[in-house]
Amino acid sequence: MLMVGPPGSGKSMLAARLPSILPPLSAAELLEVSMVHSIAGQLSGGKLSDRRPFRTPHHSATMAALVGGGLRARPGEASLAHHGVLFLDEFPEFTPQALDALRQPLEGECVIARANHRVSYPAKFQLIAAMNPCRCGMAGEPGHTCARGPRCMSDYQARISGPLMDRVDIRIDVPAVSAADLIRPMAAETSADVARRVARAREIQQERFESTGAKGIGTNARCSTAMIEKLAEPDASGLQAAARRRRKDEILRPRLPPRAQGRPHAGRSRRQTDGRPHPSRRSDLLQDRRREADGCGLRKG
């Protein structure tokens, strides 16, 4: 997800609240996160909380710091955010090489190749990015205009490559906060209420994947294309129900009697040429349609 808005609109605050609405780590997820943090030497006290990781590297971080590297090929910020959130503030201020290096880890794995060994670290994280609309940050600010105009916005946003933007599923424009927004009381929903909805959605996804026999998949984001097509394909009962609905629509669709088709003025007044059956034929047509519906099992009683 990418949030675009002027400074002070609350982008960083919204990103920091995201871990509070996510469900806690399961036992298997906690074990994976502990192993990655232990290899990186960041497991303080030999114990890790069940709260999902939230990593916020500075925009001066190098490519090796983000995806991993070094002499011992230790995991980077992408792997340390495994099963959590990787928040990149001031998104265009990162070097283009470092940002493009995230294109492969966004698929769920970081592969670090060296001359004598090759290491693979898990990187199933949610990427949350925030940026100003332009370099000066005044575009969209009430009472301010960008000194360079639209060129400033286009040049600043062009620092992010197209293939990386294609991997961003949601883009949100965060407007500036006015004084009235800070003064007036507004009805707000607590993080606990949102967390319960998120937990229920995760349970539904896990039940769906367990019913299909899929292992190691807990969210729709990690579902393969073949499995999405399999889950979206209706079963036999669904196909039969769709066929019955189509048959019912065909039976109950208004239609003209045979003598009115193709000859709108054949022995009829102008009032009877508006597509309605002749009064003498309406009762017969209604009875025919009811008999057809009874034969298809569409009417009961």
C-alpha atoms as a PDB file:
ATOM      1  CA  MET A   1       0.000   0.000   0.000  1.00  0.00           C
ATOM      2  CA  LEU A   2       1.226   3.496  -0.877  1.00  0.00           C
ATOM      3  CA  MET A   3       0.002   6.616   0.928  1.00  0.00           C
ATOM      4  CA  VAL A   4       0.504   9.954  -0.840  1.00  0.00           C
ATOM      5  CA  GLY A   5      -0.103  13.228   0.954  1.00  0.00           C
ATOM      6  CA  PRO A   6       1.481  16.466   2.184  1.00  0.00           C
ATOM      7  CA  PRO A   7       3.607  16.572   5.364  1.00  0.00           C
ATOM      8  CA  GLY A   8       1.628  16.382   8.569  1.00  0.00           C
ATOM      9  CA  SER A   9      -1.373  14.562   7.096  1.00  0.00           C
ATOM     10  CA  GLY A  10      -0.840  11.498   9.308  1.00  0.00           C
ATOM     11  CA  LYS A  11       0.754   8.967   6.949  1.00  0.00           C
ATOM     12  CA  SER A  12       3.399   7.752   9.403  1.00  0.00           C
ATOM     13  CA  MET A  13       0.877   7.628  12.246  1.00  0.00           C
ATOM     14  CA  LEU A  14      -1.500   5.470  10.202  1.00  0.00           C
ATOM     15  CA  ALA A  15       1.309   3.087   9.270  1.00  0.00           C
ATOM     16  CA  ALA A  16       2.420   2.763  12.897  1.00  0.00           C
ATOM     17  CA  ARG A  17      -1.123   1.754  13.905  1.00  0.00           C
ATOM     18  CA  LEU A  18      -1.275  -1.103  11.410  1.00  0.00           C
ATOM     19  CA  PRO A  19       0.360  -3.754  13.671  1.00  0.00           C
ATOM     20  CA  SER A  20      -2.268  -3.049  16.342  1.00  0.00           C
ATOM     21  CA  ILE A  21      -5.077  -4.346  14.103  1.00  0.00           C
ATOM     22  CA  LEU A  22      -3.232  -7.414  12.839  1.00  0.00           C
ATOM     23  CA  PRO A  23      -3.744 -10.736  14.652  1.00  0.00           C
ATOM     24  CA  PRO A  24      -0.891 -11.998  16.847  1.00  0.00           C
ATOM     25  CA  LEU A  25       1.640 -14.417  15.489  1.00  0.00           C
ATOM     26  CA  SER A  26       0.712 -18.066  15.526  1.00  0.00           C
ATOM     27  CA  ALA A  27       3.062 -20.675  16.945  1.00  0.00           C
ATOM     28  CA  ALA A  28       4.478 -21.593  13.536  1.00  0.00           C
ATOM     29  CA  GLU A  29       4.859 -17.944  12.500  1.00  0.00           C
ATOM     30  CA  LEU A  30       6.521 -17.081  15.798  1.00  0.00           C
ATOM     31  CA  LEU A  31       9.053 -19.872  15.272  1.00  0.00           C
ATOM     32  CA  GLU A  32       9.931 -18.614  11.766  1.00  0.00           C
ATOM     33  CA  VAL A  33      10.301 -15.011  12.939  1.00  0.00           C
ATOM     34  CA  SER A  34      12.460 -16.090  15.885  1.00  0.00           C
ATOM     35  CA  MET A  35      14.795 -18.035  13.612  1.00  0.00           C
ATOM     36  CA  VAL A  36      15.296 -15.066  11.267  1.00  0.00           C
ATOM     37  CA  HIS A  37      15.926 -12.639  14.130  1.00  0.00           C
ATOM     38  CA  SER A  38      18.284 -15.117  15.783  1.00  0.00           C
ATOM     39  CA  ILE A  39      20.402 -15.389  12.623  1.00  0.00           C
ATOM     40  CA  ALA A  40      20.514 -11.590  12.404  1.00  0.00           C
ATOM     41  CA  GLY A  41      21.609 -11.378  16.050  1.00  0.00           C
ATOM     42  CA  GLN A  42      18.578  -9.310  17.055  1.00  0.00           C
ATOM     43  CA  LEU A  43      16.872 -11.790  19.370  1.00  0.00           C
ATOM     44  CA  SER A  44      17.330 -10.015  22.683  1.00  0.00           C
ATOM     45  CA  GLY A  45      17.031 -12.271  25.721  1.00  0.00           C
ATOM     46  CA  GLY A  46      16.284 -15.296  23.572  1.00  0.00           C
ATOM     47  CA  LYS A  47      12.568 -14.477  23.489  1.00  0.00           C
ATOM     48  CA  LEU A  48      10.329 -12.716  20.977  1.00  0.00           C
ATOM     49  CA  SER A  49       6.904 -11.213  21.487  1.00  0.00           C
ATOM     50  CA  ASP A  50       3.892 -12.510  19.554  1.00  0.00           C
ATOM     51  CA  ARG A  51       3.359  -8.998  18.171  1.00  0.00           C
ATOM     52  CA  ARG A  52       4.017  -8.829  14.457  1.00  0.00           C
ATOM     53  CA  PRO A  53       7.302  -7.173  13.407  1.00  0.00           C
ATOM     54  CA  PHE A  54       7.239  -3.546  12.308  1.00  0.00           C
ATOM     55  CA  ARG A  55      10.436  -2.420  10.573  1.00  0.00           C
ATOM     56  CA  THR A  56      11.051   1.216   9.619  1.00  0.00           C
ATOM     57  CA  PRO A  57      14.464   1.590   7.916  1.00  0.00           C
ATOM     58  CA  HIS A  58      15.808   5.051   7.172  1.00  0.00           C
ATOM     59  CA  HIS A  59      15.695   6.236   3.571  1.00  0.00           C
ATOM     60  CA  SER A  60      19.511   6.188   3.451  1.00  0.00           C
ATOM     61  CA  ALA A  61      19.510   2.377   3.825  1.00  0.00           C
ATOM     62  CA  THR A  62      21.489   0.518   1.196  1.00  0.00           C
ATOM     63  CA  MET A  63      20.347  -2.364  -0.957  1.00  0.00           C
ATOM     64  CA  ALA A  64      22.181  -4.854   1.290  1.00  0.00           C
ATOM     65  CA  ALA A  65      20.453  -3.416   4.357  1.00  0.00           C
ATOM     66  CA  LEU A  66      17.027  -3.909   2.794  1.00  0.00           C
ATOM     67  CA  VAL A  67      17.312  -7.337   1.194  1.00  0.00           C
ATOM     68  CA  GLY A  68      20.286  -8.722   3.127  1.00  0.00           C
ATOM     69  CA  GLY A  69      23.946  -9.236   2.417  1.00  0.00           C
ATOM     70  CA  GLY A  70      27.373  -8.740   3.906  1.00  0.00           C
ATOM     71  CA  LEU A  71      30.217 -11.164   4.368  1.00  0.00           C
ATOM     72  CA  ARG A  72      28.007 -13.644   6.219  1.00  0.00           C
ATOM     73  CA  ALA A  73      24.898 -12.911   4.119  1.00  0.00           C
ATOM     74  CA  ARG A  74      22.707 -11.928   7.017  1.00  0.00           C
ATOM     75  CA  PRO A  75      19.001 -11.164   6.532  1.00  0.00           C
ATOM     76  CA  GLY A  76      17.950  -7.616   5.763  1.00  0.00           C
ATOM     77  CA  GLU A  77      14.975  -5.501   6.709  1.00  0.00           C
ATOM     78  CA  ALA A  78      12.692  -7.359   4.298  1.00  0.00           C
ATOM     79  CA  SER A  79      13.363 -10.668   6.053  1.00  0.00           C
ATOM     80  CA  LEU A  80      13.273  -9.112   9.518  1.00  0.00           C
ATOM     81  CA  ALA A  81       9.746  -7.930   8.659  1.00  0.00           C
ATOM     82  CA  HIS A  82       8.707 -11.523   7.896  1.00  0.00           C
ATOM     83  CA  HIS A  83       4.999 -12.008   8.809  1.00  0.00           C
ATOM     84  CA  GLY A  84       4.889  -8.317   9.679  1.00  0.00           C
ATOM     85  CA  VAL A  85       5.055  -4.837   8.177  1.00  0.00           C
ATOM     86  CA  LEU A  86       7.898  -3.103   6.342  1.00  0.00           C
ATOM     87  CA  PHE A  87       7.263   0.639   6.405  1.00  0.00           C
ATOM     88  CA  LEU A  88       9.264   2.820   4.003  1.00  0.00           C
ATOM     89  CA  ASP A  89       8.749   6.485   4.813  1.00  0.00           C
ATOM     90  CA  GLU A  90       9.816   9.071   2.231  1.00  0.00           C
ATOM     91  CA  PHE A  91       9.536   6.386  -0.420  1.00  0.00           C
ATOM     92  CA  PRO A  92      11.143   8.236  -3.366  1.00  0.00           C
ATOM     93  CA  GLU A  93      14.125   9.272  -1.217  1.00  0.00           C
ATOM     94  CA  PHE A  94      15.431   5.703  -1.234  1.00  0.00           C
ATOM     95  CA  THR A  95      17.922   4.984  -3.961  1.00  0.00           C
ATOM     96  CA  PRO A  96      16.374   3.489  -7.114  1.00  0.00           C
ATOM     97  CA  GLN A  97      18.670   0.462  -6.818  1.00  0.00           C
ATOM     98  CA  ALA A  98      17.472  -0.280  -3.289  1.00  0.00           C
ATOM     99  CA  LEU A  99      13.811   0.055  -4.252  1.00  0.00           C
ATOM    100  CA  ASP A 100      14.136  -2.128  -7.331  1.00  0.00           C
ATOM    101  CA  ALA A 101      15.856  -4.761  -5.198  1.00  0.00           C
ATOM    102  CA  LEU A 102      12.552  -5.217  -3.336  1.00  0.00           C
ATOM    103  CA  ARG A 103      10.779  -6.512  -6.419  1.00  0.00           C
ATOM    104  CA  GLN A 104      11.883 -10.104  -5.800  1.00  0.00           C
ATOM    105  CA  PRO A 105      11.398 -10.107  -1.979  1.00  0.00           C
ATOM    106  CA  LEU A 106       7.819  -8.938  -2.517  1.00  0.00           C
ATOM    107  CA  GLU A 107       7.176 -12.411  -3.922  1.00  0.00           C
ATOM    108  CA  GLY A 108       7.940 -13.878  -0.471  1.00  0.00           C
ATOM    109  CA  GLU A 109      11.623 -14.792  -0.532  1.00  0.00           C
ATOM    110  CA  CYS A 110      15.045 -13.114  -0.438  1.00  0.00           C
ATOM    111  CA  VAL A 111      17.817 -14.962  -2.250  1.00  0.00           C
ATOM    112  CA  ILE A 112      21.390 -13.834  -1.572  1.00  0.00           C
ATOM    113  CA  ALA A 113      23.994 -15.350  -3.887  1.00  0.00           C
ATOM    114  CA  ARG A 114      27.712 -15.287  -3.224  1.00  0.00           C
ATOM    115  CA  ALA A 115      30.682 -16.875  -4.944  1.00  0.00           C
ATOM    116  CA  ASN A 116      30.844 -19.841  -2.569  1.00  0.00           C
ATOM    117  CA  HIS A 117      27.311 -20.090  -1.151  1.00  0.00           C
ATOM    118  CA  ARG A 118      23.684 -19.185  -1.723  1.00  0.00           C
ATOM    119  CA  VAL A 119      21.275 -18.287   1.084  1.00  0.00           C
ATOM    120  CA  SER A 120      17.497 -17.932   0.981  1.00  0.00           C
ATOM    121  CA  TYR A 121      15.552 -16.075   3.681  1.00  0.00           C
ATOM    122  CA  PRO A 122      11.747 -15.839   3.959  1.00  0.00           C
ATOM    123  CA  ALA A 123      10.221 -12.403   3.339  1.00  0.00           C
ATOM    124  CA  LYS A 124       6.433 -12.598   3.570  1.00  0.00           C
ATOM    125  CA  PHE A 125       5.749  -9.052   4.665  1.00  0.00           C
ATOM    126  CA  GLN A 126       3.306  -6.247   3.981  1.00  0.00           C
ATOM    127  CA  LEU A 127       4.956  -3.289   2.282  1.00  0.00           C
ATOM    128  CA  ILE A 128       3.590   0.071   3.449  1.00  0.00           C
ATOM    129  CA  ALA A 129       5.098   3.165   1.822  1.00  0.00           C
ATOM    130  CA  ALA A 130       4.481   6.877   2.331  1.00  0.00           C
ATOM    131  CA  MET A 131       5.554   9.814   0.215  1.00  0.00           C
ATOM    132  CA  ASN A 132       4.889  13.489  -0.421  1.00  0.00           C
ATOM    133  CA  PRO A 133       3.202  14.400  -3.712  1.00  0.00           C
ATOM    134  CA  CYS A 134       6.253  16.421  -4.789  1.00  0.00           C
ATOM    135  CA  ARG A 135       9.742  17.286  -3.553  1.00  0.00           C
ATOM    136  CA  CYS A 136       8.709  20.516  -1.850  1.00  0.00           C
ATOM    137  CA  GLY A 137       5.707  18.782  -0.309  1.00  0.00           C
ATOM    138  CA  MET A 138       3.332  21.700  -0.867  1.00  0.00           C
ATOM    139  CA  ALA A 139       1.142  20.126  -3.532  1.00  0.00           C
ATOM    140  CA  GLY A 140      -2.280  19.549  -2.013  1.00  0.00           C
ATOM    141  CA  GLU A 141      -1.557  21.673   1.063  1.00  0.00           C
ATOM    142  CA  PRO A 142      -4.396  24.165   1.740  1.00  0.00           C
ATOM    143  CA  GLY A 143      -3.259  27.682   0.945  1.00  0.00           C
ATOM    144  CA  HIS A 144       0.014  26.581  -0.669  1.00  0.00           C
ATOM    145  CA  THR A 145       1.057  25.848  -4.222  1.00  0.00           C
ATOM    146  CA  CYS A 146       4.142  24.151  -5.552  1.00  0.00           C
ATOM    147  CA  ALA A 147       6.681  26.642  -6.873  1.00  0.00           C
ATOM    148  CA  ARG A 148       7.711  24.403  -9.781  1.00  0.00           C
ATOM    149  CA  GLY A 149       4.209  23.330 -10.742  1.00  0.00           C
ATOM    150  CA  PRO A 150       3.263  19.920 -12.147  1.00  0.00           C
ATOM    151  CA  ARG A 151       6.858  19.273 -13.262  1.00  0.00           C
ATOM    152  CA  CYS A 152       7.945  18.969  -9.626  1.00  0.00           C
ATOM    153  CA  MET A 153       5.343  16.255  -8.968  1.00  0.00           C
ATOM    154  CA  SER A 154       6.101  14.253 -12.100  1.00  0.00           C
ATOM    155  CA  ASP A 155       9.875  14.311 -11.569  1.00  0.00           C
ATOM    156  CA  TYR A 156       9.571  13.325  -7.924  1.00  0.00           C
ATOM    157  CA  GLN A 157       7.219  10.427  -8.521  1.00  0.00           C
ATOM    158  CA  ALA A 158       9.294   9.219 -11.484  1.00  0.00           C
ATOM    159  CA  ARG A 159      11.992   8.110  -9.022  1.00  0.00           C
ATOM    160  CA  ILE A 160       9.869   5.014  -8.409  1.00  0.00           C
ATOM    161  CA  SER A 161      10.070   2.538 -11.279  1.00  0.00           C
ATOM    162  CA  GLY A 162       7.001   1.257 -13.073  1.00  0.00           C
ATOM    163  CA  PRO A 163       7.558  -2.464 -12.244  1.00  0.00           C
ATOM    164  CA  LEU A 164       7.689  -1.625  -8.538  1.00  0.00           C
ATOM    165  CA  MET A 165       4.518   0.466  -8.748  1.00  0.00           C
ATOM    166  CA  ASP A 166       2.784  -2.447 -10.479  1.00  0.00           C
ATOM    167  CA  ARG A 167       3.358  -4.475  -7.311  1.00  0.00           C
ATOM    168  CA  VAL A 168       1.560  -1.887  -5.178  1.00  0.00           C
ATOM    169  CA  ASP A 169      -2.044  -3.049  -4.807  1.00  0.00           C
ATOM    170  CA  ILE A 170      -3.545  -0.010  -3.049  1.00  0.00           C
ATOM    171  CA  ARG A 171      -2.749   3.673  -3.435  1.00  0.00           C
ATOM    172  CA  ILE A 172      -4.390   6.141  -1.030  1.00  0.00           C
ATOM    173  CA  ASP A 173      -4.374   9.929  -1.277  1.00  0.00           C
ATOM    174  CA  VAL A 174      -4.141  11.283   2.280  1.00  0.00           C
ATOM    175  CA  PRO A 175      -5.472  14.864   2.378  1.00  0.00           C
ATOM    176  CA  ALA A 176      -4.058  17.556   4.615  1.00  0.00           C
ATOM    177  CA  VAL A 177      -5.539  17.921   8.096  1.00  0.00           C
ATOM    178  CA  SER A 178      -7.265  21.238   8.714  1.00  0.00           C
ATOM    179  CA  ALA A 179      -7.780  22.996  12.041  1.00  0.00           C
ATOM    180  CA  ALA A 180     -11.463  22.065  12.011  1.00  0.00           C
ATOM    181  CA  ASP A 181     -10.548  18.365  11.799  1.00  0.00           C
ATOM    182  CA  LEU A 182      -8.473  18.689  14.967  1.00  0.00           C
ATOM    183  CA  ILE A 183     -11.090  20.627  16.943  1.00  0.00           C
ATOM    184  CA  ARG A 184     -14.389  18.960  16.165  1.00  0.00           C
ATOM    185  CA  PRO A 185     -15.077  15.582  17.789  1.00  0.00           C
ATOM    186  CA  MET A 186     -15.488  12.737  15.339  1.00  0.00           C
ATOM    187  CA  ALA A 187     -16.844   9.233  15.846  1.00  0.00           C
ATOM    188  CA  ALA A 188     -13.874   6.880  15.739  1.00  0.00           C
ATOM    189  CA  GLU A 189     -13.538   3.108  15.794  1.00  0.00           C
ATOM    190  CA  THR A 190     -11.053   1.592  18.186  1.00  0.00           C
ATOM    191  CA  SER A 191      -8.200  -0.610  17.036  1.00  0.00           C
ATOM    192  CA  ALA A 192      -9.615  -3.512  19.036  1.00  0.00           C
ATOM    193  CA  ASP A 193     -12.837  -3.462  17.003  1.00  0.00           C
ATOM    194  CA  VAL A 194     -10.917  -3.418  13.728  1.00  0.00           C
ATOM    195  CA  ALA A 195      -8.603  -6.163  14.998  1.00  0.00           C
ATOM    196  CA  ARG A 196     -11.579  -8.455  15.626  1.00  0.00           C
ATOM    197  CA  ARG A 197     -12.771  -8.014  12.040  1.00  0.00           C
ATOM    198  CA  VAL A 198      -9.279  -8.687  10.702  1.00  0.00           C
ATOM    199  CA  ALA A 199      -8.938 -11.807  12.850  1.00  0.00           C
ATOM    200  CA  ARG A 200     -12.274 -13.113  11.600  1.00  0.00           C
ATOM    201  CA  ALA A 201     -11.225 -12.505   7.991  1.00  0.00           C
ATOM    202  CA  ARG A 202      -7.985 -14.424   8.597  1.00  0.00           C
ATOM    203  CA  GLU A 203      -9.936 -17.328  10.095  1.00  0.00           C
ATOM    204  CA  ILE A 204     -12.175 -17.497   7.036  1.00  0.00           C
ATOM    205  CA  GLN A 205      -9.153 -17.596   4.753  1.00  0.00           C
ATOM    206  CA  GLN A 206      -7.445 -20.328   6.770  1.00  0.00           C
ATOM    207  CA  GLU A 207     -10.606 -22.454   6.792  1.00  0.00           C
ATOM    208  CA  ARG A 208     -10.923 -22.021   3.024  1.00  0.00           C
ATOM    209  CA  PHE A 209      -7.364 -23.160   2.339  1.00  0.00           C
ATOM    210  CA  GLU A 210      -7.509 -26.037   4.820  1.00  0.00           C
ATOM    211  CA  SER A 211     -10.630 -27.356   3.117  1.00  0.00           C
ATOM    212  CA  THR A 212      -8.753 -27.542  -0.199  1.00  0.00           C
ATOM    213  CA  GLY A 213      -5.769 -29.325   1.363  1.00  0.00           C
ATOM    214  CA  ALA A 214      -3.353 -26.428   0.831  1.00  0.00           C
ATOM    215  CA  LYS A 215      -0.556 -26.219   3.383  1.00  0.00           C
ATOM    216  CA  GLY A 216       1.533 -23.213   4.288  1.00  0.00           C
ATOM    217  CA  ILE A 217      -1.018 -20.674   2.951  1.00  0.00           C
ATOM    218  CA  GLY A 218      -2.774 -18.451   5.435  1.00  0.00           C
ATOM    219  CA  THR A 219      -3.822 -15.400   3.436  1.00  0.00           C
ATOM    220  CA  ASN A 220      -5.167 -14.651  -0.012  1.00  0.00           C
ATOM    221  CA  ALA A 221      -1.990 -12.708  -0.835  1.00  0.00           C
ATOM    222  CA  ARG A 222       0.026 -15.961  -0.768  1.00  0.00           C
ATOM    223  CA  CYS A 223      -2.487 -17.879  -2.877  1.00  0.00           C
ATOM    224  CA  SER A 224      -1.313 -19.025  -6.299  1.00  0.00           C
ATOM    225  CA  THR A 225      -3.145 -18.202  -9.509  1.00  0.00           C
ATOM    226  CA  ALA A 226      -4.111 -21.845 -10.059  1.00  0.00           C
ATOM    227  CA  MET A 227      -5.676 -22.059  -6.604  1.00  0.00           C
ATOM    228  CA  ILE A 228      -7.585 -18.797  -7.137  1.00  0.00           C
ATOM    229  CA  GLU A 229      -9.103 -20.230 -10.322  1.00  0.00           C
ATOM    230  CA  LYS A 230      -9.929 -23.454  -8.494  1.00  0.00           C
ATOM    231  CA  LEU A 231     -11.657 -21.650  -5.624  1.00  0.00           C
ATOM    232  CA  ALA A 232     -13.542 -19.319  -7.975  1.00  0.00           C
ATOM    233  CA  GLU A 233     -14.861 -22.158 -10.152  1.00  0.00           C
ATOM    234  CA  PRO A 234     -18.464 -23.070  -9.187  1.00  0.00           C
ATOM    235  CA  ASP A 235     -19.310 -26.653  -8.349  1.00  0.00           C
ATOM    236  CA  ALA A 236     -22.004 -28.780  -9.976  1.00  0.00           C
ATOM    237  CA  SER A 237     -24.729 -27.489  -7.670  1.00  0.00           C
ATOM    238  CA  GLY A 238     -23.761 -23.925  -8.501  1.00  0.00           C
ATOM    239  CA  LEU A 239     -23.936 -24.613 -12.232  1.00  0.00           C
ATOM    240  CA  GLN A 240     -27.375 -26.194 -11.863  1.00  0.00           C
ATOM    241  CA  ALA A 241     -28.635 -23.241  -9.848  1.00  0.00           C
ATOM    242  CA  ALA A 242     -27.353 -20.843 -12.502  1.00  0.00           C
ATOM    243  CA  ALA A 243     -29.103 -22.848 -15.224  1.00  0.00           C
ATOM    244  CA  ARG A 244     -32.379 -22.732 -13.304  1.00  0.00           C
ATOM    245  CA  ARG A 245     -32.075 -18.980 -12.883  1.00  0.00           C
ATOM    246  CA  ARG A 246     -31.490 -18.514 -16.599  1.00  0.00           C
ATOM    247  CA  ARG A 247     -34.461 -20.723 -17.439  1.00  0.00           C
ATOM    248  CA  LYS A 248     -36.673 -18.768 -15.053  1.00  0.00           C
ATOM    249  CA  ASP A 249     -35.599 -15.476 -16.601  1.00  0.00           C
ATOM    250  CA  GLU A 250     -36.420 -16.779 -20.066  1.00  0.00           C
ATOM    251  CA  ILE A 251     -39.877 -17.941 -18.971  1.00  0.00           C
ATOM    252  CA  LEU A 252     -40.837 -14.782 -17.116  1.00  0.00           C
ATOM    253  CA  ARG A 253     -39.374 -12.373 -19.672  1.00  0.00           C
ATOM    254  CA  PRO A 254     -42.127 -10.326 -21.395  1.00  0.00           C
ATOM    255  CA  ARG A 255     -42.665 -11.437 -24.966  1.00  0.00           C
ATOM    256  CA  LEU A 256     -45.146 -10.799 -27.770  1.00  0.00           C
ATOM    257  CA  PRO A 257     -47.633 -13.315 -29.123  1.00  0.00           C
ATOM    258  CA  PRO A 258     -46.709 -14.903 -32.461  1.00  0.00           C
ATOM    259  CA  ARG A 259     -49.217 -12.859 -34.438  1.00  0.00           C
ATOM    260  CA  ALA A 260     -47.764  -9.586 -33.125  1.00  0.00           C
ATOM    261  CA  GLN A 261     -44.142 -10.385 -34.069  1.00  0.00           C
ATOM    262  CA  GLY A 262     -43.086  -8.804 -37.357  1.00  0.00           C
ATOM    263  CA  ARG A 263     -46.599  -7.409 -38.111  1.00  0.00           C
ATOM    264  CA  PRO A 264     -47.285  -4.660 -35.568  1.00  0.00           C
ATOM    265  CA  HIS A 265     -50.279  -3.209 -37.481  1.00  0.00           C
ATOM    266  CA  ALA A 266     -51.940  -6.389 -38.749  1.00  0.00           C
ATOM    267  CA  GLY A 267     -55.588  -5.807 -37.848  1.00  0.00           C
ATOM    268  CA  ARG A 268     -54.755  -4.088 -34.536  1.00  0.00           C
ATOM    269  CA  SER A 269     -55.260  -0.584 -33.301  1.00  0.00           C
ATOM    270  CA  ARG A 270     -52.389   1.801 -32.587  1.00  0.00           C
ATOM    271  CA  ARG A 271     -52.928   1.353 -28.854  1.00  0.00           C
ATOM    272  CA  GLN A 272     -52.096  -2.342 -29.092  1.00  0.00           C
ATOM    273  CA  THR A 273     -48.718  -1.934 -30.868  1.00  0.00           C
ATOM    274  CA  ASP A 274     -46.666  -1.023 -27.765  1.00  0.00           C
ATOM    275  CA  GLY A 275     -45.359  -4.536 -27.206  1.00  0.00           C
ATOM    276  CA  ARG A 276     -48.147  -5.757 -24.900  1.00  0.00           C
ATOM    277  CA  PRO A 277     -50.209  -8.861 -25.749  1.00  0.00           C
ATOM    278  CA  HIS A 278     -53.749  -8.466 -26.979  1.00  0.00           C
ATOM    279  CA  PRO A 279     -56.261  -8.371 -24.091  1.00  0.00           C
ATOM    280  CA  SER A 280     -57.844 -11.575 -25.302  1.00  0.00           C
ATOM    281  CA  ARG A 281     -54.497 -13.359 -25.160  1.00  0.00           C
ATOM    282  CA  ARG A 282     -53.125 -12.148 -21.836  1.00  0.00           C
ATOM    283  CA  SER A 283     -54.848 -14.726 -19.645  1.00  0.00           C
ATOM    284  CA  ASP A 284     -53.826 -17.581 -21.966  1.00  0.00           C
ATOM    285  CA  LEU A 285     -50.174 -16.444 -21.972  1.00  0.00           C
ATOM    286  CA  LEU A 286     -50.121 -16.130 -18.187  1.00  0.00           C
ATOM    287  CA  GLN A 287     -51.444 -19.648 -17.773  1.00  0.00           C
ATOM    288  CA  ASP A 288     -48.898 -21.008 -20.256  1.00  0.00           C
ATOM    289  CA  ARG A 289     -46.032 -19.370 -18.363  1.00  0.00           C
ATOM    290  CA  ARG A 290     -47.237 -20.737 -15.053  1.00  0.00           C
ATOM    291  CA  ARG A 291     -47.420 -24.264 -16.486  1.00  0.00           C
ATOM    292  CA  GLU A 292     -43.883 -23.943 -17.853  1.00  0.00           C
ATOM    293  CA  ALA A 293     -42.595 -22.691 -14.514  1.00  0.00           C
ATOM    294  CA  ASP A 294     -44.294 -25.610 -12.713  1.00  0.00           C
ATOM    295  CA  GLY A 295     -42.662 -28.047 -15.113  1.00  0.00           C
ATOM    296  CA  CYS A 296     -39.184 -26.615 -14.382  1.00  0.00           C
ATOM    297  CA  GLY A 297     -39.709 -26.845 -10.645  1.00  0.00           C
ATOM    298  CA  LEU A 298     -39.591 -23.084 -10.221  1.00  0.00           C
ATOM    299  CA  ARG A 299     -42.939 -22.732  -8.501  1.00  0.00           C
ATOM    300  CA  LYS A 300     -44.013 -24.449  -5.318  1.00  0.00           C
ATOM    301  CA  GLY A 301     -47.471 -25.016  -3.836  1.00  0.00           C
END
